[in-house]
N, C-alpha and C. Protein backbone atom coordinates (compact mmCIF):
# COMPACT_ATOMS: atom_id res chain seq x y z
N MET A 1 0.63 -1.22 -0.06
CA MET A 1 -0.24 -0.29 0.30
C MET A 1 1.02 1.09 -0.15
N ASP A 2 0.49 2.33 -1.14
CA ASP A 2 1.25 3.44 -0.40
C ASP A 2 0.16 4.64 -0.38
N GLU A 3 1.15 5.83 -0.32
CA GLU A 3 0.02 6.76 -0.20
C GLU A 3 -1.12 7.17 -0.74
N ALA A 4 -1.04 6.87 -2.22
CA ALA A 4 -2.07 7.06 -3.09
C ALA A 4 -3.35 6.34 -2.36
N GLN A 5 -3.33 5.11 -2.31
CA GLN A 5 -4.31 4.09 -1.50
C GLN A 5 -4.56 4.72 -0.30
N LEU A 6 -4.07 5.37 0.47
CA LEU A 6 -4.61 5.68 1.77
C LEU A 6 -5.94 7.11 1.65
N GLY A 7 -6.82 6.83 2.37
CA GLY A 7 -7.92 7.50 2.79
C GLY A 7 -7.14 9.13 3.24
N PRO A 8 -8.23 10.23 3.23
CA PRO A 8 -7.90 11.59 3.57
C PRO A 8 -7.82 11.30 5.19
N GLU A 9 -8.74 10.38 6.07
CA GLU A 9 -8.57 10.26 7.48
C GLU A 9 -6.99 9.63 7.97
N ASP A 10 -6.75 8.85 6.78
CA ASP A 10 -5.26 8.25 7.41
C ASP A 10 -4.13 9.16 6.85
N LEU A 11 -4.58 10.23 6.06
CA LEU A 11 -3.19 10.78 5.38
C LEU A 11 -3.06 12.04 6.53
N LYS A 12 -4.26 12.41 7.38
CA LYS A 12 -4.67 13.30 8.36
C LYS A 12 -3.73 12.61 9.55
N ILE A 13 -4.26 11.46 9.91
CA ILE A 13 -2.94 11.05 11.03
C ILE A 13 -1.56 11.06 10.85
N ILE A 14 -1.18 10.85 9.60
CA ILE A 14 0.34 10.52 9.45
C ILE A 14 0.96 12.10 9.41
N THR A 15 0.07 13.36 9.19
CA THR A 15 0.41 14.43 9.35
C THR A 15 0.79 14.92 10.80
N LEU A 16 -0.26 14.47 11.54
CA LEU A 16 -0.42 14.48 12.69
C LEU A 16 0.86 13.89 13.76
N ALA A 17 1.12 12.58 13.42
CA ALA A 17 2.38 12.00 14.00
C ALA A 17 3.53 12.42 13.36
N ARG A 18 3.64 12.98 12.06
CA ARG A 18 4.70 13.90 11.71
C ARG A 18 5.09 14.83 12.17
N SER A 19 3.98 15.96 12.76
CA SER A 19 4.20 16.79 13.52
C SER A 19 4.39 16.59 14.91
N ALA A 20 3.82 15.77 15.84
CA ALA A 20 4.45 15.47 17.05
C ALA A 20 5.77 14.92 17.20
N LYS A 21 6.70 14.27 16.11
CA LYS A 21 7.65 14.04 15.92
C LYS A 21 8.39 14.60 15.88
N ALA A 22 8.29 15.90 15.17
CA ALA A 22 9.37 17.17 14.86
C ALA A 22 9.07 18.01 15.86
N ARG A 23 8.01 18.40 16.67
CA ARG A 23 7.51 19.46 17.38
C ARG A 23 8.87 18.86 18.42
N VAL A 24 8.92 18.14 19.14
CA VAL A 24 9.89 17.65 20.31
C VAL A 24 11.52 17.12 19.72
N GLY A 25 11.37 17.04 18.69
CA GLY A 25 12.65 16.44 18.04
C GLY A 25 13.05 14.81 18.54
N SER A 26 11.89 14.39 18.11
CA SER A 26 11.78 12.64 18.87
C SER A 26 12.06 11.82 17.48
N ALA A 27 12.54 10.90 17.94
CA ALA A 27 13.08 9.46 16.98
C ALA A 27 12.12 8.97 16.34
N GLU A 28 10.70 8.89 16.66
CA GLU A 28 9.31 8.56 16.22
C GLU A 28 8.34 9.78 16.76
N GLY A 29 7.23 9.63 15.71
CA GLY A 29 5.99 9.94 16.52
C GLY A 29 4.86 9.01 15.86
N ALA A 30 3.90 9.30 16.44
CA ALA A 30 2.52 8.26 16.38
C ALA A 30 1.23 9.04 16.10
N ALA A 31 0.54 8.61 15.65
CA ALA A 31 -0.91 8.85 15.86
C ALA A 31 -2.02 7.54 15.65
N VAL A 32 -3.08 7.98 16.34
CA VAL A 32 -4.07 7.04 16.43
C VAL A 32 -5.43 7.54 16.22
N ARG A 33 -6.58 6.90 15.57
CA ARG A 33 -7.72 7.62 15.50
C ARG A 33 -8.85 6.34 15.79
N ASP A 34 -9.85 6.64 16.65
CA ASP A 34 -10.81 5.94 17.22
C ASP A 34 -11.61 6.07 16.04
N GLU A 35 -12.99 5.25 17.01
CA GLU A 35 -14.33 4.82 16.24
C GLU A 35 -15.19 6.14 16.41
N THR A 36 -14.76 7.30 16.74
CA THR A 36 -15.81 8.45 16.44
C THR A 36 -14.53 9.38 15.85
N GLY A 37 -13.49 9.12 15.31
CA GLY A 37 -12.88 9.70 14.74
C GLY A 37 -11.66 10.81 15.64
N ARG A 38 -11.82 10.79 16.54
CA ARG A 38 -10.59 11.55 17.23
C ARG A 38 -9.62 11.11 17.15
N THR A 39 -8.56 11.83 17.08
CA THR A 39 -7.39 11.37 16.80
C THR A 39 -6.09 11.98 18.26
N TYR A 40 -5.34 10.95 18.45
CA TYR A 40 -4.60 11.24 19.52
C TYR A 40 -3.16 11.09 19.05
N ALA A 41 -2.09 12.04 18.72
CA ALA A 41 -0.79 12.35 18.26
C ALA A 41 0.01 11.95 19.59
N ALA A 42 1.38 11.47 19.35
CA ALA A 42 2.49 11.53 20.87
C ALA A 42 3.73 11.20 20.10
N ALA A 43 4.75 11.42 20.90
CA ALA A 43 6.01 11.59 20.47
C ALA A 43 6.65 10.69 21.25
N ALA A 44 7.81 9.83 20.74
CA ALA A 44 8.62 8.69 22.22
C ALA A 44 8.76 9.62 23.07
N VAL A 45 8.77 8.92 24.38
CA VAL A 45 9.14 9.50 25.59
C VAL A 45 10.67 8.52 26.00
N ALA A 46 11.81 9.05 26.37
CA ALA A 46 12.76 8.54 26.72
C ALA A 46 13.81 9.24 28.14
N LEU A 47 12.89 9.12 29.09
CA LEU A 47 13.27 9.57 30.28
C LEU A 47 14.37 8.56 30.80
N PRO A 48 15.43 8.86 31.88
CA PRO A 48 16.02 8.03 32.59
C PRO A 48 15.06 6.60 33.45
N SER A 49 13.78 7.14 33.72
CA SER A 49 12.94 6.17 34.25
C SER A 49 11.81 6.17 33.57
N LEU A 50 11.73 6.29 32.55
CA LEU A 50 10.54 6.10 31.67
C LEU A 50 10.84 6.05 30.29
N ARG A 51 10.34 5.00 29.69
CA ARG A 51 10.51 4.67 28.13
C ARG A 51 9.31 4.47 27.54
N LEU A 52 8.75 5.16 26.34
CA LEU A 52 7.65 4.70 25.88
C LEU A 52 7.76 5.01 24.46
N SER A 53 7.28 3.93 23.74
CA SER A 53 7.49 4.16 22.25
C SER A 53 6.12 4.95 21.82
N ALA A 54 6.35 5.85 20.59
CA ALA A 54 5.34 6.88 20.66
C ALA A 54 3.99 6.50 20.23
N ILE A 55 3.72 5.08 19.74
CA ILE A 55 2.55 4.31 19.24
C ILE A 55 1.57 4.25 20.69
N ALA A 56 2.79 3.58 21.84
CA ALA A 56 2.17 3.11 22.80
C ALA A 56 1.73 4.15 23.79
N LEU A 57 2.52 5.27 23.65
CA LEU A 57 1.50 6.45 24.47
C LEU A 57 0.51 6.67 23.54
N ALA A 58 0.46 6.99 22.60
CA ALA A 58 -0.64 7.35 21.53
C ALA A 58 -1.73 6.32 21.83
N VAL A 59 -1.87 4.99 22.05
CA VAL A 59 -2.79 3.95 22.57
C VAL A 59 -3.10 4.46 23.82
N ALA A 60 -2.08 4.85 24.65
CA ALA A 60 -2.96 5.33 26.03
C ALA A 60 -3.30 6.31 26.28
N MET A 61 -3.21 7.18 25.54
CA MET A 61 -4.07 8.53 25.44
C MET A 61 -5.19 8.21 24.83
N ALA A 62 -5.50 7.59 23.84
CA ALA A 62 -6.76 7.13 23.43
C ALA A 62 -7.59 6.34 24.70
N VAL A 63 -7.18 5.24 25.01
CA VAL A 63 -7.62 4.57 25.90
C VAL A 63 -8.38 5.47 27.08
N SER A 64 -7.11 6.53 27.62
CA SER A 64 -7.56 6.92 28.92
C SER A 64 -8.42 8.18 28.66
N SER A 65 -8.55 8.14 27.33
CA SER A 65 -9.84 9.45 26.83
C SER A 65 -10.97 8.87 26.72
N GLY A 66 -11.21 7.40 26.39
CA GLY A 66 -12.76 6.88 26.54
C GLY A 66 -12.60 6.17 25.18
N ALA A 67 -11.52 6.32 24.44
CA ALA A 67 -11.62 5.34 23.24
C ALA A 67 -12.20 3.88 23.14
N ARG A 68 -13.05 3.35 22.72
CA ARG A 68 -13.74 1.81 22.89
C ARG A 68 -12.92 1.20 21.52
N THR A 69 -12.43 1.59 20.39
CA THR A 69 -11.58 0.95 19.68
C THR A 69 -11.04 1.85 18.75
N LEU A 70 -10.26 0.96 18.04
CA LEU A 70 -9.17 2.31 17.02
C LEU A 70 -9.34 1.50 15.59
N GLU A 71 -9.30 2.43 14.74
CA GLU A 71 -9.26 2.17 13.11
C GLU A 71 -8.24 2.32 12.66
N ALA A 72 -7.23 2.90 13.16
CA ALA A 72 -5.82 3.10 12.22
C ALA A 72 -4.78 4.05 13.79
N ALA A 73 -3.57 3.51 13.11
CA ALA A 73 -2.61 3.79 13.92
C ALA A 73 -1.22 3.98 12.75
N VAL A 74 -0.69 5.18 13.13
CA VAL A 74 0.56 5.26 12.18
C VAL A 74 1.96 5.66 13.07
N VAL A 75 3.10 5.16 13.04
CA VAL A 75 4.12 4.89 13.46
C VAL A 75 5.24 6.25 12.54
N VAL A 76 5.97 7.43 12.95
CA VAL A 76 6.44 7.74 12.15
C VAL A 76 7.99 8.00 12.30
N GLY A 77 8.97 7.28 11.46
CA GLY A 77 10.75 7.18 11.80
C GLY A 77 11.10 6.29 11.01
N ASP A 78 12.50 6.62 11.35
CA ASP A 78 13.45 5.90 9.97
C ASP A 78 14.06 4.47 10.55
N GLY A 79 13.35 3.98 12.02
CA GLY A 79 14.10 2.58 12.35
C GLY A 79 12.85 1.63 11.73
N GLN A 80 12.91 0.50 12.61
CA GLN A 80 12.37 -0.82 12.02
C GLN A 80 10.94 -0.40 11.85
N GLY A 81 10.17 0.23 12.79
CA GLY A 81 8.63 0.21 12.25
C GLY A 81 8.52 -0.33 14.05
N PRO A 82 6.93 -0.39 13.57
CA PRO A 82 6.15 -0.68 15.18
C PRO A 82 6.73 -2.24 15.57
N GLY A 83 7.20 -2.48 16.66
CA GLY A 83 7.60 -3.67 17.03
C GLY A 83 6.58 -4.67 17.59
N ALA A 84 6.68 -5.48 17.87
CA ALA A 84 5.69 -6.80 18.38
C ALA A 84 4.87 -5.96 19.48
N GLU A 85 5.58 -5.62 20.22
CA GLU A 85 4.96 -5.11 21.54
C GLU A 85 4.01 -3.75 21.16
N ASP A 86 4.43 -2.92 20.38
CA ASP A 86 3.10 -1.98 19.64
C ASP A 86 2.02 -2.52 18.72
N ILE A 87 2.43 -3.38 17.92
CA ILE A 87 1.34 -4.13 17.46
C ILE A 87 0.53 -4.55 18.24
N ALA A 88 0.83 -5.34 19.36
CA ALA A 88 -0.14 -5.91 20.14
C ALA A 88 -0.81 -4.70 20.98
N ALA A 89 -0.45 -3.68 21.40
CA ALA A 89 -1.16 -2.56 22.22
C ALA A 89 -2.37 -1.91 21.21
N VAL A 90 -1.82 -1.97 19.82
CA VAL A 90 -3.04 -1.00 18.71
C VAL A 90 -4.36 -2.38 18.85
N ARG A 91 -3.64 -3.52 18.47
CA ARG A 91 -4.58 -4.48 18.52
C ARG A 91 -5.60 -5.27 19.43
N ASP A 92 -5.18 -4.85 20.82
CA ASP A 92 -5.61 -5.07 22.11
C ASP A 92 -7.05 -4.33 21.99
N ILE A 93 -6.94 -3.21 21.75
CA ILE A 93 -8.36 -2.09 21.28
C ILE A 93 -8.84 -1.94 20.17
N GLY A 94 -7.95 -2.13 19.07
CA GLY A 94 -8.18 -2.10 17.50
C GLY A 94 -7.69 -3.38 16.82
N PRO A 95 -8.41 -4.39 16.83
CA PRO A 95 -8.14 -5.87 16.37
C PRO A 95 -8.39 -5.69 14.62
N GLY A 96 -9.05 -4.71 14.60
CA GLY A 96 -9.34 -4.60 13.02
C GLY A 96 -8.60 -3.33 12.04
N ALA A 97 -7.82 -2.50 13.28
CA ALA A 97 -7.06 -1.57 12.74
C ALA A 97 -5.91 -1.65 11.54
N LEU A 98 -5.73 -0.71 10.80
CA LEU A 98 -4.82 -0.83 10.07
C LEU A 98 -3.51 0.11 10.41
N ILE A 99 -2.43 -0.24 10.48
CA ILE A 99 -1.37 -0.17 11.21
C ILE A 99 -0.39 0.28 10.19
N ILE A 100 0.22 1.43 10.08
CA ILE A 100 0.87 2.27 8.97
C ILE A 100 2.63 2.35 9.76
N HIS A 101 3.64 2.01 9.06
CA HIS A 101 4.75 2.95 9.21
C HIS A 101 4.99 3.58 7.94
N VAL A 102 5.63 5.18 8.43
CA VAL A 102 6.13 5.90 7.69
C VAL A 102 7.43 6.47 7.95
N GLY A 103 7.89 6.49 7.01
CA GLY A 103 9.74 7.01 7.26
C GLY A 103 9.43 8.50 7.51
N SER A 104 10.39 9.15 7.78
CA SER A 104 10.18 10.62 8.56
C SER A 104 10.11 11.61 6.90
N ASP A 105 10.38 10.92 5.83
CA ASP A 105 10.24 11.53 4.87
C ASP A 105 9.09 11.61 4.23
N GLY A 106 7.96 11.04 4.83
CA GLY A 106 6.91 10.65 4.56
C GLY A 106 6.29 9.86 3.75
N ALA A 107 7.23 9.01 3.13
CA ALA A 107 6.78 7.71 2.29
C ALA A 107 6.46 6.51 3.26
N VAL A 108 5.40 5.79 2.91
CA VAL A 108 4.81 4.85 3.43
C VAL A 108 5.72 3.81 3.29
N ARG A 109 6.28 3.30 4.74
CA ARG A 109 7.20 1.70 4.20
C ARG A 109 6.74 0.70 4.32
N GLU A 110 5.51 0.48 5.36
CA GLU A 110 5.14 -0.67 5.31
C GLU A 110 3.53 -0.60 6.14
N THR A 111 2.40 -1.57 5.99
CA THR A 111 1.24 -1.22 6.40
C THR A 111 1.40 -2.95 6.86
N PHE A 112 0.50 -2.94 7.94
CA PHE A 112 0.18 -4.18 8.68
C PHE A 112 -1.33 -4.25 8.68
N SER A 113 -2.11 -5.16 8.00
CA SER A 113 -3.47 -5.02 8.24
C SER A 113 -4.08 -6.52 9.13
N PRO A 114 -5.42 -6.34 9.66
CA PRO A 114 -5.55 -7.30 10.87
C PRO A 114 -5.75 -8.96 10.12
């Protein structure tokens, strides 16, 4: 799947994830969309006593805000993409969610379908 095949709502969360990454100069940013269309964007946290991937934090923000399910998730970064734990976190609340890995340049690198 490439950017041309994504819908406008997916492109929106890519933009939000890229913005979250750039805003704090993080290695990765992420965004998720819930069943009502609300979006949650986050950057990775790397403190001496706390480490959270951007996607794990975005999922946690959605859950703590009352999201019941996720429709899509995006992680932006030049690393390996979402790890097994990140994919599992998305699947816990969004078993049917599309997960998209995007490079810092905005190019879609891979997608994970349910």
